[in-house]
Amino acid sequence: MPSREILRLDRHGQPQKWITKNEAATYYATDSVAWTLGDTFAALRGGLNSMTGQISRIEVHPIIAVRGVAKVNLFDACPALTKRTLVARDRNTCGFCGGVFKYDDLTCDHIVPQSKGGLTKWENCICCCKKCNGAKADMSCEEANMPLLFAPYRPSHAEHLILSGRNIRADVHAFLAARLPKGSRLL
């Protein structure tokens, strides 16, 4: 899977998604980049220009704003729920015992079990260690006498970009952190 390490913004500066260097190069080559932030961190070389004899070169910045209409309506966006982003949201912490575990030792627990109509959505899922998941089984928290230590929540779009990004550069993280909602657990 190609590394997605460039943050694409709309022309107004709203974060949209992570893109690859090659996807960014397409925006540069089609003159679709409205503005950039951060120092150049990669240079991509292309073919030989027959007119000038020079090799084409595109310098890529870590944050690029793209012209055109935004593809993500941030008011309607519901970030995708994956085990990876759920574990990151809950900071590798079991929502029942409070223990901090490795990724492979955690599961996704439905607060209202699926067998009782519980949906797989941010507000109904929590990180859980395997021991607590086995103890809770197919019961509600009340039935299992296992109260939650923290409330689950749906992350904002900026929070989701932080949770889903890998190896985020410090300047890009700071840009996203400035857009986190007040009271975010990621602050």
N, C-alpha and C. Protein backbone atom coordinates (compact mmCIF):
# COMPACT_ATOMS: atom_id res chain seq x y z
N MET A 1 0.85 -1.18 0.00
CA MET A 1 0.00 0.00 0.00
C MET A 1 0.89 1.24 0.00
N PRO A 2 0.61 2.21 -0.89
CA PRO A 2 1.45 3.41 -0.95
C PRO A 2 1.28 4.26 0.31
N SER A 3 2.34 4.93 0.69
CA SER A 3 2.33 5.76 1.89
C SER A 3 1.54 7.04 1.62
N ARG A 4 0.55 7.29 2.45
CA ARG A 4 -0.26 8.51 2.34
C ARG A 4 0.23 9.46 3.43
N GLU A 5 1.02 10.42 3.01
CA GLU A 5 1.64 11.28 4.01
C GLU A 5 1.47 12.77 3.74
N ILE A 6 0.68 13.13 2.73
CA ILE A 6 0.46 14.53 2.42
C ILE A 6 -0.99 14.86 2.75
N LEU A 7 -1.19 15.94 3.48
CA LEU A 7 -2.53 16.35 3.85
C LEU A 7 -3.10 17.26 2.76
N ARG A 8 -4.21 16.82 2.16
CA ARG A 8 -4.87 17.63 1.13
C ARG A 8 -5.97 18.45 1.78
N LEU A 9 -5.96 19.74 1.50
CA LEU A 9 -6.97 20.67 2.00
C LEU A 9 -7.83 21.15 0.85
N ASP A 10 -9.01 21.70 1.17
CA ASP A 10 -9.74 22.39 0.13
C ASP A 10 -9.14 23.79 0.03
N ARG A 11 -9.60 24.59 -0.91
CA ARG A 11 -8.99 25.91 -1.14
C ARG A 11 -9.18 26.85 0.05
N HIS A 12 -10.13 26.52 0.94
CA HIS A 12 -10.38 27.36 2.12
C HIS A 12 -9.57 26.92 3.33
N GLY A 13 -8.79 25.85 3.17
CA GLY A 13 -7.93 25.39 4.25
C GLY A 13 -8.53 24.32 5.13
N GLN A 14 -9.67 23.75 4.73
CA GLN A 14 -10.29 22.67 5.51
C GLN A 14 -9.67 21.34 5.12
N PRO A 15 -9.18 20.56 6.09
CA PRO A 15 -8.58 19.26 5.79
C PRO A 15 -9.57 18.34 5.10
N GLN A 16 -9.10 17.62 4.08
CA GLN A 16 -9.95 16.70 3.34
C GLN A 16 -9.54 15.25 3.53
N LYS A 17 -8.27 14.93 3.20
CA LYS A 17 -7.82 13.55 3.34
C LYS A 17 -6.32 13.47 3.16
N TRP A 18 -5.77 12.28 3.46
CA TRP A 18 -4.37 11.98 3.22
C TRP A 18 -4.22 11.51 1.78
N ILE A 19 -3.15 11.96 1.12
CA ILE A 19 -2.87 11.52 -0.24
C ILE A 19 -1.40 11.11 -0.36
N THR A 20 -1.08 10.40 -1.44
CA THR A 20 0.29 9.96 -1.69
C THR A 20 1.08 11.07 -2.39
N LYS A 21 2.39 10.89 -2.46
CA LYS A 21 3.24 11.83 -3.20
C LYS A 21 2.84 11.88 -4.67
N ASN A 22 2.53 10.72 -5.24
CA ASN A 22 2.14 10.69 -6.66
C ASN A 22 0.81 11.40 -6.90
N GLU A 23 -0.14 11.25 -5.97
CA GLU A 23 -1.40 11.98 -6.10
C GLU A 23 -1.15 13.48 -6.00
N ALA A 24 -0.27 13.88 -5.10
CA ALA A 24 0.07 15.30 -4.97
C ALA A 24 0.73 15.80 -6.25
N ALA A 25 1.60 14.99 -6.84
CA ALA A 25 2.28 15.39 -8.07
C ALA A 25 1.27 15.66 -9.18
N THR A 26 0.19 14.90 -9.21
CA THR A 26 -0.85 15.12 -10.22
C THR A 26 -1.47 16.51 -10.03
N TYR A 27 -1.72 16.89 -8.79
CA TYR A 27 -2.28 18.23 -8.54
C TYR A 27 -1.29 19.31 -8.96
N TYR A 28 -0.02 19.11 -8.65
CA TYR A 28 0.99 20.09 -9.06
C TYR A 28 1.07 20.17 -10.58
N ALA A 29 1.11 19.03 -11.25
CA ALA A 29 1.28 18.98 -12.71
C ALA A 29 0.10 19.59 -13.45
N THR A 30 -1.09 19.51 -12.86
CA THR A 30 -2.29 20.07 -13.52
C THR A 30 -2.59 21.48 -13.02
N ASP A 31 -1.66 22.07 -12.30
CA ASP A 31 -1.79 23.42 -11.77
C ASP A 31 -3.06 23.57 -10.91
N SER A 32 -3.33 22.53 -10.13
CA SER A 32 -4.52 22.53 -9.27
C SER A 32 -4.20 22.91 -7.83
N VAL A 33 -2.92 23.12 -7.51
CA VAL A 33 -2.54 23.49 -6.14
C VAL A 33 -2.71 24.99 -5.98
N ALA A 34 -3.58 25.37 -5.04
CA ALA A 34 -3.84 26.79 -4.78
C ALA A 34 -2.73 27.38 -3.92
N TRP A 35 -2.32 26.65 -2.89
CA TRP A 35 -1.25 27.10 -2.00
C TRP A 35 -0.75 25.91 -1.19
N THR A 36 0.40 26.10 -0.54
CA THR A 36 1.02 25.02 0.22
C THR A 36 1.47 25.54 1.59
N LEU A 37 1.72 24.59 2.49
CA LEU A 37 2.30 24.91 3.79
C LEU A 37 3.43 23.92 4.07
N GLY A 38 4.41 24.38 4.82
CA GLY A 38 5.53 23.52 5.19
C GLY A 38 6.63 23.54 4.15
N ASP A 39 7.79 23.13 4.60
CA ASP A 39 8.95 23.07 3.71
C ASP A 39 8.83 21.88 2.78
N THR A 40 9.42 22.02 1.59
CA THR A 40 9.46 20.91 0.65
C THR A 40 10.11 19.72 1.34
N PHE A 41 9.48 18.55 1.25
CA PHE A 41 10.07 17.37 1.88
C PHE A 41 10.33 16.25 0.90
N ALA A 42 9.89 16.42 -0.34
CA ALA A 42 10.16 15.40 -1.36
C ALA A 42 10.23 16.08 -2.72
N ALA A 43 11.07 15.54 -3.57
CA ALA A 43 11.16 16.02 -4.94
C ALA A 43 11.01 14.81 -5.86
N LEU A 44 10.06 14.91 -6.76
CA LEU A 44 9.81 13.83 -7.71
C LEU A 44 10.35 14.24 -9.06
N ARG A 45 11.09 13.34 -9.69
CA ARG A 45 11.64 13.62 -11.01
C ARG A 45 10.85 12.88 -12.07
N GLY A 46 10.68 13.54 -13.18
CA GLY A 46 9.92 12.94 -14.28
C GLY A 46 10.79 12.74 -15.51
N GLY A 47 10.18 12.95 -16.65
CA GLY A 47 10.87 12.73 -17.92
C GLY A 47 11.66 13.94 -18.37
N LEU A 48 12.26 13.79 -19.53
CA LEU A 48 13.08 14.83 -20.14
C LEU A 48 12.20 15.72 -21.01
N ASN A 49 12.26 17.03 -20.78
CA ASN A 49 11.50 17.98 -21.57
C ASN A 49 12.20 18.13 -22.92
N SER A 50 11.49 17.81 -24.01
CA SER A 50 12.11 17.86 -25.34
C SER A 50 12.44 19.28 -25.77
N MET A 51 11.75 20.26 -25.24
CA MET A 51 12.01 21.66 -25.63
C MET A 51 13.23 22.22 -24.91
N THR A 52 13.34 21.96 -23.60
CA THR A 52 14.42 22.57 -22.82
C THR A 52 15.57 21.63 -22.56
N GLY A 53 15.33 20.33 -22.68
CA GLY A 53 16.37 19.36 -22.38
C GLY A 53 16.53 19.12 -20.88
N GLN A 54 15.65 19.72 -20.08
CA GLN A 54 15.71 19.58 -18.63
C GLN A 54 14.81 18.43 -18.17
N ILE A 55 15.22 17.77 -17.08
CA ILE A 55 14.38 16.75 -16.46
C ILE A 55 13.34 17.46 -15.60
N SER A 56 12.08 17.06 -15.75
CA SER A 56 11.03 17.70 -14.96
C SER A 56 11.20 17.33 -13.49
N ARG A 57 10.85 18.25 -12.63
CA ARG A 57 10.99 18.06 -11.19
C ARG A 57 9.82 18.74 -10.49
N ILE A 58 9.18 18.01 -9.57
CA ILE A 58 8.08 18.57 -8.79
C ILE A 58 8.47 18.47 -7.32
N GLU A 59 8.45 19.61 -6.65
CA GLU A 59 8.74 19.65 -5.22
C GLU A 59 7.41 19.56 -4.47
N VAL A 60 7.33 18.62 -3.55
CA VAL A 60 6.09 18.34 -2.84
C VAL A 60 6.18 18.86 -1.41
N HIS A 61 5.11 19.52 -0.99
CA HIS A 61 5.01 20.05 0.37
C HIS A 61 4.11 19.12 1.20
N PRO A 62 4.22 19.14 2.52
CA PRO A 62 3.43 18.22 3.36
C PRO A 62 1.94 18.57 3.43
N ILE A 63 1.60 19.83 3.14
CA ILE A 63 0.20 20.26 3.14
C ILE A 63 -0.06 21.02 1.85
N ILE A 64 -1.07 20.57 1.09
CA ILE A 64 -1.41 21.28 -0.14
C ILE A 64 -2.91 21.58 -0.16
N ALA A 65 -3.23 22.80 -0.58
CA ALA A 65 -4.63 23.19 -0.77
C ALA A 65 -4.91 23.09 -2.26
N VAL A 66 -6.02 22.44 -2.58
CA VAL A 66 -6.36 22.16 -3.97
C VAL A 66 -7.54 23.02 -4.41
N ARG A 67 -7.44 23.56 -5.63
CA ARG A 67 -8.54 24.35 -6.19
C ARG A 67 -9.73 23.43 -6.47
N GLY A 68 -10.89 24.06 -6.61
CA GLY A 68 -12.08 23.29 -6.95
C GLY A 68 -13.00 23.13 -5.76
N VAL A 69 -14.03 22.34 -5.94
CA VAL A 69 -15.04 22.12 -4.92
C VAL A 69 -14.58 21.03 -3.96
N ALA A 70 -14.78 21.25 -2.67
CA ALA A 70 -14.40 20.27 -1.66
C ALA A 70 -15.19 18.98 -1.84
N LYS A 71 -14.51 17.86 -1.67
CA LYS A 71 -15.16 16.57 -1.82
C LYS A 71 -15.80 16.09 -0.52
N VAL A 72 -15.35 16.63 0.61
CA VAL A 72 -15.87 16.22 1.91
C VAL A 72 -16.64 17.38 2.52
N ASN A 73 -17.92 17.15 2.80
CA ASN A 73 -18.72 18.12 3.54
C ASN A 73 -18.51 17.80 5.02
N LEU A 74 -17.76 18.64 5.69
CA LEU A 74 -17.36 18.35 7.06
C LEU A 74 -18.53 18.30 8.04
N PHE A 75 -19.67 18.87 7.67
CA PHE A 75 -20.83 18.83 8.55
C PHE A 75 -21.56 17.49 8.47
N ASP A 76 -21.44 16.83 7.32
CA ASP A 76 -22.11 15.54 7.13
C ASP A 76 -21.16 14.35 7.28
N ALA A 77 -19.88 14.61 7.35
CA ALA A 77 -18.89 13.53 7.34
C ALA A 77 -18.95 12.70 8.61
N CYS A 78 -19.01 11.40 8.43
CA CYS A 78 -18.91 10.48 9.56
C CYS A 78 -17.69 9.61 9.26
N PRO A 79 -16.63 9.77 10.03
CA PRO A 79 -15.40 9.02 9.75
C PRO A 79 -15.62 7.51 9.82
N ALA A 80 -14.90 6.80 8.99
CA ALA A 80 -14.99 5.34 8.98
C ALA A 80 -14.46 4.78 10.29
N LEU A 81 -15.19 3.81 10.82
CA LEU A 81 -14.80 3.16 12.07
C LEU A 81 -14.03 1.89 11.73
N THR A 82 -12.78 1.85 12.15
CA THR A 82 -11.95 0.66 12.00
C THR A 82 -11.35 0.32 13.36
N LYS A 83 -10.88 -0.89 13.51
CA LYS A 83 -10.25 -1.26 14.78
C LYS A 83 -9.05 -0.35 15.04
N ARG A 84 -8.29 -0.06 14.00
CA ARG A 84 -7.09 0.76 14.16
C ARG A 84 -7.42 2.15 14.69
N THR A 85 -8.45 2.80 14.11
CA THR A 85 -8.80 4.15 14.56
C THR A 85 -9.51 4.11 15.91
N LEU A 86 -10.26 3.05 16.20
CA LEU A 86 -10.90 2.90 17.51
C LEU A 86 -9.84 2.75 18.61
N VAL A 87 -8.85 1.91 18.37
CA VAL A 87 -7.76 1.72 19.34
C VAL A 87 -7.01 3.03 19.54
N ALA A 88 -6.78 3.76 18.45
CA ALA A 88 -6.09 5.06 18.57
C ALA A 88 -6.95 6.05 19.35
N ARG A 89 -8.26 6.09 19.05
CA ARG A 89 -9.16 7.00 19.78
C ARG A 89 -9.11 6.73 21.27
N ASP A 90 -9.16 5.45 21.64
CA ASP A 90 -9.19 5.07 23.06
C ASP A 90 -7.79 4.91 23.66
N ARG A 91 -6.78 5.24 22.89
CA ARG A 91 -5.38 5.23 23.35
C ARG A 91 -4.96 3.89 23.95
N ASN A 92 -5.34 2.81 23.26
CA ASN A 92 -4.96 1.45 23.65
C ASN A 92 -5.44 1.09 25.07
N THR A 93 -6.50 1.75 25.51
CA THR A 93 -7.01 1.56 26.87
C THR A 93 -8.33 0.81 26.84
N CYS A 94 -8.44 -0.24 27.66
CA CYS A 94 -9.69 -0.98 27.79
C CYS A 94 -10.72 -0.09 28.49
N GLY A 95 -11.89 0.02 27.92
CA GLY A 95 -12.94 0.87 28.47
C GLY A 95 -13.58 0.33 29.74
N PHE A 96 -13.22 -0.90 30.14
CA PHE A 96 -13.80 -1.50 31.33
C PHE A 96 -12.81 -1.59 32.49
N CYS A 97 -11.61 -2.14 32.24
CA CYS A 97 -10.64 -2.31 33.34
C CYS A 97 -9.62 -1.17 33.40
N GLY A 98 -9.50 -0.39 32.32
CA GLY A 98 -8.56 0.73 32.30
C GLY A 98 -7.13 0.34 31.98
N GLY A 99 -6.89 -0.94 31.71
CA GLY A 99 -5.54 -1.38 31.36
C GLY A 99 -5.14 -0.89 29.98
N VAL A 100 -3.85 -0.67 29.82
CA VAL A 100 -3.31 -0.26 28.52
C VAL A 100 -2.66 -1.50 27.90
N PHE A 101 -3.05 -1.81 26.67
CA PHE A 101 -2.64 -3.05 26.01
C PHE A 101 -2.05 -2.80 24.64
N LYS A 102 -1.36 -3.80 24.12
CA LYS A 102 -0.88 -3.77 22.73
C LYS A 102 -2.09 -3.91 21.81
N TYR A 103 -1.94 -3.44 20.60
CA TYR A 103 -3.01 -3.47 19.60
C TYR A 103 -3.62 -4.86 19.46
N ASP A 104 -2.77 -5.88 19.35
CA ASP A 104 -3.26 -7.24 19.12
C ASP A 104 -4.00 -7.84 20.31
N ASP A 105 -3.85 -7.22 21.49
CA ASP A 105 -4.54 -7.72 22.69
C ASP A 105 -5.86 -7.00 22.95
N LEU A 106 -6.29 -6.18 22.00
CA LEU A 106 -7.53 -5.42 22.15
C LEU A 106 -8.56 -5.85 21.11
N THR A 107 -9.82 -5.69 21.47
CA THR A 107 -10.92 -5.98 20.57
C THR A 107 -11.86 -4.78 20.57
N CYS A 108 -12.83 -4.82 19.69
CA CYS A 108 -13.88 -3.81 19.63
C CYS A 108 -15.10 -4.38 20.34
N ASP A 109 -15.59 -3.72 21.37
CA ASP A 109 -16.78 -4.19 22.07
C ASP A 109 -17.94 -3.27 21.77
N HIS A 110 -19.09 -3.87 21.49
CA HIS A 110 -20.32 -3.11 21.30
C HIS A 110 -20.96 -2.91 22.67
N ILE A 111 -21.15 -1.68 23.08
CA ILE A 111 -21.73 -1.39 24.38
C ILE A 111 -23.14 -2.01 24.46
N VAL A 112 -23.98 -1.70 23.47
CA VAL A 112 -25.25 -2.42 23.31
C VAL A 112 -24.93 -3.53 22.32
N PRO A 113 -24.96 -4.78 22.76
CA PRO A 113 -24.55 -5.89 21.89
C PRO A 113 -25.35 -5.92 20.58
N GLN A 114 -24.67 -6.37 19.52
CA GLN A 114 -25.32 -6.46 18.22
C GLN A 114 -26.55 -7.35 18.28
N SER A 115 -26.52 -8.40 19.09
CA SER A 115 -27.66 -9.31 19.21
C SER A 115 -28.87 -8.62 19.83
N LYS A 116 -28.64 -7.47 20.48
CA LYS A 116 -29.74 -6.71 21.09
C LYS A 116 -30.01 -5.42 20.34
N GLY A 117 -29.57 -5.39 19.07
CA GLY A 117 -29.85 -4.23 18.22
C GLY A 117 -28.78 -3.16 18.21
N GLY A 118 -27.67 -3.39 18.87
CA GLY A 118 -26.59 -2.41 18.89
C GLY A 118 -25.93 -2.29 17.54
N LEU A 119 -25.65 -1.06 17.14
CA LEU A 119 -25.04 -0.80 15.83
C LEU A 119 -23.53 -0.64 15.95
N THR A 120 -22.85 -0.90 14.85
CA THR A 120 -21.41 -0.67 14.79
C THR A 120 -21.21 0.78 14.40
N LYS A 121 -21.16 1.63 15.41
CA LYS A 121 -20.93 3.05 15.20
C LYS A 121 -20.07 3.57 16.35
N TRP A 122 -19.45 4.70 16.13
CA TRP A 122 -18.51 5.26 17.10
C TRP A 122 -19.09 5.34 18.50
N GLU A 123 -20.34 5.78 18.60
CA GLU A 123 -20.95 6.01 19.91
C GLU A 123 -21.33 4.72 20.62
N ASN A 124 -21.24 3.56 19.95
CA ASN A 124 -21.61 2.28 20.56
C ASN A 124 -20.42 1.32 20.66
N CYS A 125 -19.24 1.76 20.29
CA CYS A 125 -18.07 0.86 20.31
C CYS A 125 -16.99 1.43 21.22
N ILE A 126 -16.30 0.51 21.86
CA ILE A 126 -15.21 0.90 22.76
C ILE A 126 -14.12 -0.16 22.67
N CYS A 127 -12.91 0.26 22.94
CA CYS A 127 -11.77 -0.65 22.99
C CYS A 127 -11.90 -1.52 24.23
N CYS A 128 -11.55 -2.77 24.09
CA CYS A 128 -11.74 -3.70 25.21
C CYS A 128 -10.66 -4.77 25.16
N CYS A 129 -10.11 -5.11 26.32
CA CYS A 129 -9.14 -6.21 26.35
C CYS A 129 -9.90 -7.52 26.19
N LYS A 130 -9.18 -8.56 25.82
CA LYS A 130 -9.82 -9.85 25.55
C LYS A 130 -10.48 -10.44 26.80
N LYS A 131 -9.86 -10.22 27.97
CA LYS A 131 -10.43 -10.74 29.21
C LYS A 131 -11.78 -10.09 29.52
N CYS A 132 -11.84 -8.76 29.41
CA CYS A 132 -13.09 -8.06 29.68
C CYS A 132 -14.14 -8.37 28.61
N ASN A 133 -13.70 -8.51 27.37
CA ASN A 133 -14.64 -8.84 26.30
C ASN A 133 -15.28 -10.19 26.58
N GLY A 134 -14.49 -11.17 27.04
CA GLY A 134 -15.02 -12.48 27.38
C GLY A 134 -15.96 -12.43 28.57
N ALA A 135 -15.64 -11.59 29.55
CA ALA A 135 -16.48 -11.48 30.74
C ALA A 135 -17.81 -10.80 30.43
N LYS A 136 -17.77 -9.79 29.58
CA LYS A 136 -19.01 -9.07 29.23
C LYS A 136 -19.86 -9.91 28.29
N ALA A 137 -19.20 -10.64 27.43
CA ALA A 137 -19.87 -11.54 26.47
C ALA A 137 -20.95 -10.79 25.71
N ASP A 138 -22.16 -11.35 25.71
CA ASP A 138 -23.27 -10.79 24.94
C ASP A 138 -24.25 -10.05 25.83
N MET A 139 -23.73 -9.44 26.90
CA MET A 139 -24.59 -8.73 27.84
C MET A 139 -24.39 -7.22 27.71
N SER A 140 -25.35 -6.49 28.26
CA SER A 140 -25.18 -5.05 28.34
C SER A 140 -24.19 -4.78 29.49
N CYS A 141 -23.70 -3.56 29.58
CA CYS A 141 -22.78 -3.20 30.66
C CYS A 141 -23.43 -3.41 32.02
N GLU A 142 -24.72 -3.08 32.13
CA GLU A 142 -25.45 -3.23 33.39
C GLU A 142 -25.58 -4.70 33.76
N GLU A 143 -25.98 -5.53 32.79
CA GLU A 143 -26.15 -6.96 33.04
C GLU A 143 -24.84 -7.61 33.49
N ALA A 144 -23.74 -7.17 32.89
CA ALA A 144 -22.43 -7.74 33.22
C ALA A 144 -21.80 -7.08 34.44
N ASN A 145 -22.44 -6.03 34.96
CA ASN A 145 -21.91 -5.25 36.07
C ASN A 145 -20.51 -4.73 35.74
N MET A 146 -20.39 -4.19 34.53
CA MET A 146 -19.11 -3.66 34.05
C MET A 146 -19.33 -2.23 33.54
N PRO A 147 -19.26 -1.24 34.43
CA PRO A 147 -19.47 0.15 33.98
C PRO A 147 -18.31 0.63 33.10
N LEU A 148 -18.65 1.52 32.18
CA LEU A 148 -17.64 2.12 31.30
C LEU A 148 -16.80 3.13 32.08
N LEU A 149 -15.51 3.16 31.80
CA LEU A 149 -14.62 4.13 32.44
C LEU A 149 -14.62 5.47 31.72
N PHE A 150 -14.96 5.44 30.43
CA PHE A 150 -15.04 6.67 29.64
C PHE A 150 -16.09 6.48 28.55
N ALA A 151 -16.67 7.58 28.14
CA ALA A 151 -17.74 7.53 27.15
C ALA A 151 -17.16 7.48 25.74
N PRO A 152 -17.72 6.64 24.90
CA PRO A 152 -17.28 6.63 23.50
C PRO A 152 -17.84 7.86 22.78
N TYR A 153 -17.18 8.27 21.72
CA TYR A 153 -17.63 9.44 20.96
C TYR A 153 -17.20 9.30 19.51
N ARG A 154 -17.89 10.01 18.65
CA ARG A 154 -17.51 10.05 17.24
C ARG A 154 -16.50 11.17 17.04
N PRO A 155 -15.31 10.85 16.53
CA PRO A 155 -14.30 11.90 16.34
C PRO A 155 -14.70 12.86 15.24
N SER A 156 -14.24 14.09 15.37
CA SER A 156 -14.43 15.08 14.31
C SER A 156 -13.56 14.67 13.12
N HIS A 157 -13.73 15.35 12.02
CA HIS A 157 -12.95 15.03 10.82
C HIS A 157 -11.45 15.23 11.08
N ALA A 158 -11.09 16.32 11.75
CA ALA A 158 -9.67 16.57 12.05
C ALA A 158 -9.12 15.51 13.00
N GLU A 159 -9.91 15.11 14.01
CA GLU A 159 -9.47 14.05 14.91
C GLU A 159 -9.26 12.75 14.15
N HIS A 160 -10.18 12.45 13.24
CA HIS A 160 -10.07 11.22 12.47
C HIS A 160 -8.82 11.23 11.59
N LEU A 161 -8.47 12.37 11.01
CA LEU A 161 -7.25 12.44 10.20
C LEU A 161 -6.02 12.18 11.06
N ILE A 162 -6.01 12.68 12.29
CA ILE A 162 -4.89 12.41 13.19
C ILE A 162 -4.87 10.93 13.56
N LEU A 163 -6.04 10.38 13.88
CA LEU A 163 -6.11 8.97 14.27
C LEU A 163 -5.72 8.03 13.14
N SER A 164 -6.05 8.40 11.90
CA SER A 164 -5.79 7.50 10.77
C SER A 164 -4.45 7.74 10.10
N GLY A 165 -3.77 8.82 10.45
CA GLY A 165 -2.47 9.12 9.85
C GLY A 165 -1.37 8.30 10.48
N ARG A 166 -0.41 7.95 9.68
CA ARG A 166 0.76 7.23 10.19
C ARG A 166 1.97 8.13 10.05
N ASN A 167 2.78 8.17 11.08
CA ASN A 167 4.01 8.96 11.03
C ASN A 167 3.74 10.39 10.57
N ILE A 168 2.85 11.06 11.26
CA ILE A 168 2.49 12.42 10.89
C ILE A 168 3.64 13.36 11.27
N ARG A 169 4.04 14.19 10.31
CA ARG A 169 5.07 15.19 10.58
C ARG A 169 4.57 16.15 11.65
N ALA A 170 5.48 16.69 12.43
CA ALA A 170 5.11 17.58 13.54
C ALA A 170 4.35 18.81 13.04
N ASP A 171 4.77 19.40 11.92
CA ASP A 171 4.08 20.59 11.42
C ASP A 171 2.67 20.28 10.94
N VAL A 172 2.47 19.11 10.35
CA VAL A 172 1.14 18.71 9.90
C VAL A 172 0.25 18.39 11.11
N HIS A 173 0.83 17.72 12.11
CA HIS A 173 0.08 17.43 13.34
C HIS A 173 -0.37 18.73 14.00
N ALA A 174 0.51 19.71 14.08
CA ALA A 174 0.17 20.99 14.69
C ALA A 174 -0.96 21.68 13.91
N PHE A 175 -0.91 21.59 12.58
CA PHE A 175 -1.96 22.17 11.74
C PHE A 175 -3.30 21.53 12.07
N LEU A 176 -3.34 20.19 12.16
CA LEU A 176 -4.59 19.49 12.47
C LEU A 176 -5.03 19.73 13.91
N ALA A 177 -4.08 19.74 14.84
CA ALA A 177 -4.41 19.94 16.25
C ALA A 177 -5.08 21.29 16.48
N ALA A 178 -4.71 22.29 15.69
CA ALA A 178 -5.33 23.61 15.81
C ALA A 178 -6.79 23.59 15.39
N ARG A 179 -7.22 22.54 14.70
CA ARG A 179 -8.60 22.42 14.23
C ARG A 179 -9.44 21.44 15.04
N LEU A 180 -8.87 20.93 16.14
CA LEU A 180 -9.61 19.98 16.97
C LEU A 180 -10.69 20.71 17.76
N PRO A 181 -11.80 20.05 17.99
CA PRO A 181 -12.85 20.68 18.80
C PRO A 181 -12.40 20.88 20.24
N LYS A 182 -12.98 21.88 20.87
CA LYS A 182 -12.70 22.15 22.27
C LYS A 182 -13.04 20.91 23.10
N GLY A 183 -12.17 20.51 23.98
CA GLY A 183 -12.41 19.34 24.82
C GLY A 183 -12.04 18.02 24.18
N SER A 184 -11.39 18.05 23.04
CA SER A 184 -10.99 16.80 22.36
C SER A 184 -10.03 16.02 23.25
N ARG A 185 -10.18 14.70 23.28
CA ARG A 185 -9.26 13.84 24.04
C ARG A 185 -7.88 13.79 23.41
N LEU A 186 -7.76 14.26 22.17
CA LEU A 186 -6.47 14.21 21.50
C LEU A 186 -5.60 15.41 21.81
N LEU A 187 -6.15 16.39 22.54
CA LEU A 187 -5.36 17.59 22.90
C LEU A 187 -4.42 17.28 24.03
